[in-house]
Amino acid sequence: MIRVGDEALDFTLRDQNREQFALSSMRGAKAVLIVFYPFAFTGICTGELQRVRDDLELFQNDHVQVVSISADSVYTQKIFSVREEFEFPLLSDYWPHGAVAQAYGVFNDQGGFANRGTFLVDRDGIVRFAEMKTIGEGREADEWIAAIKAL
């Protein structure tokens, strides 16, 4: 798994609106909170992303951009974002299947999905926060907020 102090690996994925997002496009402009999650429409995943939605200004503002990533298709991400009123990028790591999650060391090979990996990348592209939980373990968004405030 990518660790604190490592340079974040660049990636380009499509969001729920089929728009491309490149991590490198944020270099020098904003920090990026990357939230990998296993599956759209599941209990823990939905709850974690609802927390981001409900307190969006803490996770996405002039200083930080939040993106979420799963191996779900762009079409699934679109329906999920509309249903839950998510106004931040839900990126599809569908094909090659889970390639970005694999590069970040959070892909679950047996299940074919991303584990709950979270990475805060600063404006210079350096990872300042990193964690990984397995499929049944929820994460504490307050830890993400503290990491963002510490930048």
C-alpha atoms as a PDB file:
ATOM      1  CA  MET A   1       0.000   0.000   0.000  1.00  0.00           C
ATOM      2  CA  ILE A   2       1.148   3.536  -0.695  1.00  0.00           C
ATOM      3  CA  ARG A   3       2.341   5.136   2.542  1.00  0.00           C
ATOM      4  CA  VAL A   4       2.571   8.578   4.102  1.00  0.00           C
ATOM      5  CA  GLY A   5       5.523  10.388   2.549  1.00  0.00           C
ATOM      6  CA  ASP A   6       5.278   8.545  -0.788  1.00  0.00           C
ATOM      7  CA  GLU A   7       4.621  10.395  -3.998  1.00  0.00           C
ATOM      8  CA  ALA A   8       1.050   9.679  -5.078  1.00  0.00           C
ATOM      9  CA  LEU A   9       0.719   7.724  -8.295  1.00  0.00           C
ATOM     10  CA  ASP A  10      -0.987   9.689 -11.020  1.00  0.00           C
ATOM     11  CA  PHE A  11      -4.152   8.339 -12.583  1.00  0.00           C
ATOM     12  CA  THR A  12      -6.874   9.436 -14.968  1.00  0.00           C
ATOM     13  CA  LEU A  13     -10.395   8.053 -14.551  1.00  0.00           C
ATOM     14  CA  ARG A  14     -13.872   9.026 -15.703  1.00  0.00           C
ATOM     15  CA  ASP A  15     -16.439  10.278 -13.214  1.00  0.00           C
ATOM     16  CA  GLN A  16     -20.191   9.698 -13.070  1.00  0.00           C
ATOM     17  CA  ASN A  17     -20.663  12.303 -15.828  1.00  0.00           C
ATOM     18  CA  ARG A  18     -18.050  10.662 -18.086  1.00  0.00           C
ATOM     19  CA  GLU A  19     -15.681  13.587 -17.456  1.00  0.00           C
ATOM     20  CA  GLN A  20     -12.019  12.733 -17.057  1.00  0.00           C
ATOM     21  CA  PHE A  21     -10.298  13.469 -13.766  1.00  0.00           C
ATOM     22  CA  ALA A  22      -6.497  13.329 -13.577  1.00  0.00           C
ATOM     23  CA  LEU A  23      -4.839  13.494 -10.185  1.00  0.00           C
ATOM     24  CA  SER A  24      -1.998  15.458 -11.771  1.00  0.00           C
ATOM     25  CA  SER A  25      -4.462  18.208 -12.744  1.00  0.00           C
ATOM     26  CA  MET A  26      -4.623  19.191  -9.068  1.00  0.00           C
ATOM     27  CA  ARG A  27      -0.834  19.447  -8.626  1.00  0.00           C
ATOM     28  CA  GLY A  28       0.053  22.881  -7.297  1.00  0.00           C
ATOM     29  CA  ALA A  29      -3.601  23.887  -6.960  1.00  0.00           C
ATOM     30  CA  LYS A  30      -5.367  21.708  -4.387  1.00  0.00           C
ATOM     31  CA  ALA A  31      -4.844  18.775  -2.105  1.00  0.00           C
ATOM     32  CA  VAL A  32      -6.909  15.706  -3.017  1.00  0.00           C
ATOM     33  CA  LEU A  33      -8.722  13.368  -0.645  1.00  0.00           C
ATOM     34  CA  ILE A  34      -9.022   9.998  -2.409  1.00  0.00           C
ATOM     35  CA  VAL A  35     -11.666   7.694  -0.942  1.00  0.00           C
ATOM     36  CA  PHE A  36     -11.685   4.156  -2.354  1.00  0.00           C
ATOM     37  CA  TYR A  37     -14.808   2.136  -1.610  1.00  0.00           C
ATOM     38  CA  PRO A  38     -15.909  -1.419  -2.488  1.00  0.00           C
ATOM     39  CA  PHE A  39     -19.372  -1.023  -4.036  1.00  0.00           C
ATOM     40  CA  ALA A  40     -22.043   1.564  -4.750  1.00  0.00           C
ATOM     41  CA  PHE A  41     -25.394   1.113  -2.993  1.00  0.00           C
ATOM     42  CA  THR A  42     -24.001  -0.843  -0.041  1.00  0.00           C
ATOM     43  CA  GLY A  43     -24.547   0.152   3.574  1.00  0.00           C
ATOM     44  CA  ILE A  44     -21.120   1.181   4.844  1.00  0.00           C
ATOM     45  CA  CYS A  45     -20.038   2.705   1.510  1.00  0.00           C
ATOM     46  CA  THR A  46     -23.209   4.751   1.216  1.00  0.00           C
ATOM     47  CA  GLY A  47     -22.943   5.928   4.821  1.00  0.00           C
ATOM     48  CA  GLU A  48     -19.331   7.051   4.434  1.00  0.00           C
ATOM     49  CA  LEU A  49     -20.086   8.996   1.264  1.00  0.00           C
ATOM     50  CA  GLN A  50     -23.244  10.496   2.792  1.00  0.00           C
ATOM     51  CA  ARG A  51     -21.023  11.922   5.546  1.00  0.00           C
ATOM     52  CA  VAL A  52     -18.877  13.559   2.869  1.00  0.00           C
ATOM     53  CA  ARG A  53     -22.017  14.863   1.148  1.00  0.00           C
ATOM     54  CA  ASP A  54     -23.499  16.221   4.360  1.00  0.00           C
ATOM     55  CA  ASP A  55     -20.292  18.060   5.360  1.00  0.00           C
ATOM     56  CA  LEU A  56     -18.947  18.668   1.858  1.00  0.00           C
ATOM     57  CA  GLU A  57     -17.359  22.030   2.696  1.00  0.00           C
ATOM     58  CA  LEU A  58     -14.984  20.209   5.076  1.00  0.00           C
ATOM     59  CA  PHE A  59     -13.832  17.786   2.367  1.00  0.00           C
ATOM     60  CA  GLN A  60     -14.038  19.940  -0.753  1.00  0.00           C
ATOM     61  CA  ASN A  61     -13.280  23.647  -0.865  1.00  0.00           C
ATOM     62  CA  ASP A  62     -10.690  26.106  -2.164  1.00  0.00           C
ATOM     63  CA  HIS A  63      -7.896  23.997  -0.660  1.00  0.00           C
ATOM     64  CA  VAL A  64      -8.968  20.384  -1.196  1.00  0.00           C
ATOM     65  CA  GLN A  65     -10.855  18.276  -3.734  1.00  0.00           C
ATOM     66  CA  VAL A  66     -12.508  15.006  -2.731  1.00  0.00           C
ATOM     67  CA  VAL A  67     -12.845  12.110  -5.161  1.00  0.00           C
ATOM     68  CA  SER A  68     -14.231   8.661  -4.508  1.00  0.00           C
ATOM     69  CA  ILE A  69     -13.196   5.587  -6.478  1.00  0.00           C
ATOM     70  CA  SER A  70     -14.699   2.134  -6.921  1.00  0.00           C
ATOM     71  CA  ALA A  71     -14.493  -0.561  -9.578  1.00  0.00           C
ATOM     72  CA  ASP A  72     -18.158   0.072 -10.430  1.00  0.00           C
ATOM     73  CA  SER A  73     -18.973   1.221 -13.961  1.00  0.00           C
ATOM     74  CA  VAL A  74     -19.499   4.874 -14.898  1.00  0.00           C
ATOM     75  CA  TYR A  75     -23.200   4.092 -15.321  1.00  0.00           C
ATOM     76  CA  THR A  76     -23.480   2.650 -11.829  1.00  0.00           C
ATOM     77  CA  GLN A  77     -21.637   5.678 -10.445  1.00  0.00           C
ATOM     78  CA  LYS A  78     -24.109   7.982 -12.228  1.00  0.00           C
ATOM     79  CA  ILE A  79     -27.189   6.296 -10.767  1.00  0.00           C
ATOM     80  CA  PHE A  80     -25.562   6.177  -7.322  1.00  0.00           C
ATOM     81  CA  SER A  81     -24.655   9.888  -7.439  1.00  0.00           C
ATOM     82  CA  VAL A  82     -28.143  10.930  -8.573  1.00  0.00           C
ATOM     83  CA  ARG A  83     -29.899   8.787  -5.988  1.00  0.00           C
ATOM     84  CA  GLU A  84     -27.706  10.001  -3.119  1.00  0.00           C
ATOM     85  CA  GLU A  85     -27.254  13.582  -4.400  1.00  0.00           C
ATOM     86  CA  PHE A  86     -23.472  13.332  -4.373  1.00  0.00           C
ATOM     87  CA  GLU A  87     -21.941  16.489  -5.813  1.00  0.00           C
ATOM     88  CA  PHE A  88     -18.329  15.337  -5.928  1.00  0.00           C
ATOM     89  CA  PRO A  89     -16.591  13.034  -8.416  1.00  0.00           C
ATOM     90  CA  LEU A  90     -17.355   9.327  -8.190  1.00  0.00           C
ATOM     91  CA  LEU A  91     -14.608   7.828 -10.318  1.00  0.00           C
ATOM     92  CA  SER A  92     -14.896   4.512 -12.127  1.00  0.00           C
ATOM     93  CA  ASP A  93     -11.919   2.152 -11.840  1.00  0.00           C
ATOM     94  CA  TYR A  94     -13.823  -0.380 -13.929  1.00  0.00           C
ATOM     95  CA  TRP A  95     -11.391  -1.076 -16.763  1.00  0.00           C
ATOM     96  CA  PRO A  96      -8.742  -2.211 -16.608  1.00  0.00           C
ATOM     97  CA  HIS A  97     -10.589  -3.616 -13.635  1.00  0.00           C
ATOM     98  CA  GLY A  98      -9.338  -2.054 -10.413  1.00  0.00           C
ATOM     99  CA  ALA A  99      -6.040  -0.867 -11.923  1.00  0.00           C
ATOM    100  CA  VAL A 100      -5.825   2.277  -9.793  1.00  0.00           C
ATOM    101  CA  ALA A 101      -6.816   0.410  -6.623  1.00  0.00           C
ATOM    102  CA  GLN A 102      -4.142  -2.162  -7.461  1.00  0.00           C
ATOM    103  CA  ALA A 103      -1.524   0.567  -7.959  1.00  0.00           C
ATOM    104  CA  TYR A 104      -2.421   2.076  -4.580  1.00  0.00           C
ATOM    105  CA  GLY A 105      -2.299  -1.351  -2.906  1.00  0.00           C
ATOM    106  CA  VAL A 106      -5.949  -1.451  -1.837  1.00  0.00           C
ATOM    107  CA  PHE A 107      -7.428  -3.897  -4.372  1.00  0.00           C
ATOM    108  CA  ASN A 108      -8.986  -7.076  -2.987  1.00  0.00           C
ATOM    109  CA  ASP A 109      -7.898  -9.734  -5.500  1.00  0.00           C
ATOM    110  CA  GLN A 110     -10.226 -12.418  -4.151  1.00  0.00           C
ATOM    111  CA  GLY A 111     -13.340 -10.243  -4.296  1.00  0.00           C
ATOM    112  CA  GLY A 112     -12.469  -8.080  -7.292  1.00  0.00           C
ATOM    113  CA  PHE A 113     -13.137  -4.763  -5.524  1.00  0.00           C
ATOM    114  CA  ALA A 114     -11.291  -1.934  -3.767  1.00  0.00           C
ATOM    115  CA  ASN A 115     -10.876  -2.173  -0.029  1.00  0.00           C
ATOM    116  CA  ARG A 116     -11.627   0.991   1.960  1.00  0.00           C
ATOM    117  CA  GLY A 117      -8.444   2.910   1.239  1.00  0.00           C
ATOM    118  CA  THR A 118      -8.168   6.628   1.981  1.00  0.00           C
ATOM    119  CA  PHE A 119      -5.316   8.870   0.888  1.00  0.00           C
ATOM    120  CA  LEU A 120      -4.793  12.597   1.356  1.00  0.00           C
ATOM    121  CA  VAL A 121      -2.419  13.939  -1.290  1.00  0.00           C
ATOM    122  CA  ASP A 122      -1.010  17.432  -0.780  1.00  0.00           C
ATOM    123  CA  ARG A 123      -0.571  20.073  -3.511  1.00  0.00           C
ATOM    124  CA  ASP A 124       2.920  18.755  -4.219  1.00  0.00           C
ATOM    125  CA  GLY A 125       1.663  15.215  -4.837  1.00  0.00           C
ATOM    126  CA  ILE A 126       2.895  13.742  -1.542  1.00  0.00           C
ATOM    127  CA  VAL A 127       0.685  11.421   0.509  1.00  0.00           C
ATOM    128  CA  ARG A 128       0.038  12.991   3.926  1.00  0.00           C
ATOM    129  CA  PHE A 129      -2.564  10.519   5.241  1.00  0.00           C
ATOM    130  CA  ALA A 130      -3.125   6.862   4.361  1.00  0.00           C
ATOM    131  CA  GLU A 131      -5.355   4.141   5.748  1.00  0.00           C
ATOM    132  CA  MET A 132      -6.959   0.908   4.626  1.00  0.00           C
ATOM    133  CA  LYS A 133      -9.868  -1.013   6.094  1.00  0.00           C
ATOM    134  CA  THR A 134     -11.360  -4.251   4.851  1.00  0.00           C
ATOM    135  CA  ILE A 135     -14.831  -4.611   3.388  1.00  0.00           C
ATOM    136  CA  GLY A 136     -16.723  -4.893   6.685  1.00  0.00           C
ATOM    137  CA  GLU A 137     -14.880  -2.112   8.523  1.00  0.00           C
ATOM    138  CA  GLY A 138     -16.096   1.462   8.396  1.00  0.00           C
ATOM    139  CA  ARG A 139     -13.821   4.483   8.484  1.00  0.00           C
ATOM    140  CA  GLU A 140     -13.908   7.583  10.669  1.00  0.00           C
ATOM    141  CA  ALA A 141     -14.341  10.672   8.498  1.00  0.00           C
ATOM    142  CA  ASP A 142     -13.255  12.817  11.452  1.00  0.00           C
ATOM    143  CA  GLU A 143      -9.732  11.437  10.883  1.00  0.00           C
ATOM    144  CA  TRP A 144      -9.882  12.730   7.295  1.00  0.00           C
ATOM    145  CA  ILE A 145     -11.001  16.146   8.515  1.00  0.00           C
ATOM    146  CA  ALA A 146      -8.126  16.269  11.015  1.00  0.00           C
ATOM    147  CA  ALA A 147      -5.642  15.325   8.277  1.00  0.00           C
ATOM    148  CA  ILE A 148      -7.024  18.028   5.982  1.00  0.00           C
ATOM    149  CA  LYS A 149      -6.765  20.638   8.747  1.00  0.00           C
ATOM    150  CA  ALA A 150      -3.158  19.574   9.418  1.00  0.00           C
ATOM    151  CA  LEU A 151      -2.052  20.416   5.856  1.00  0.00           C
END
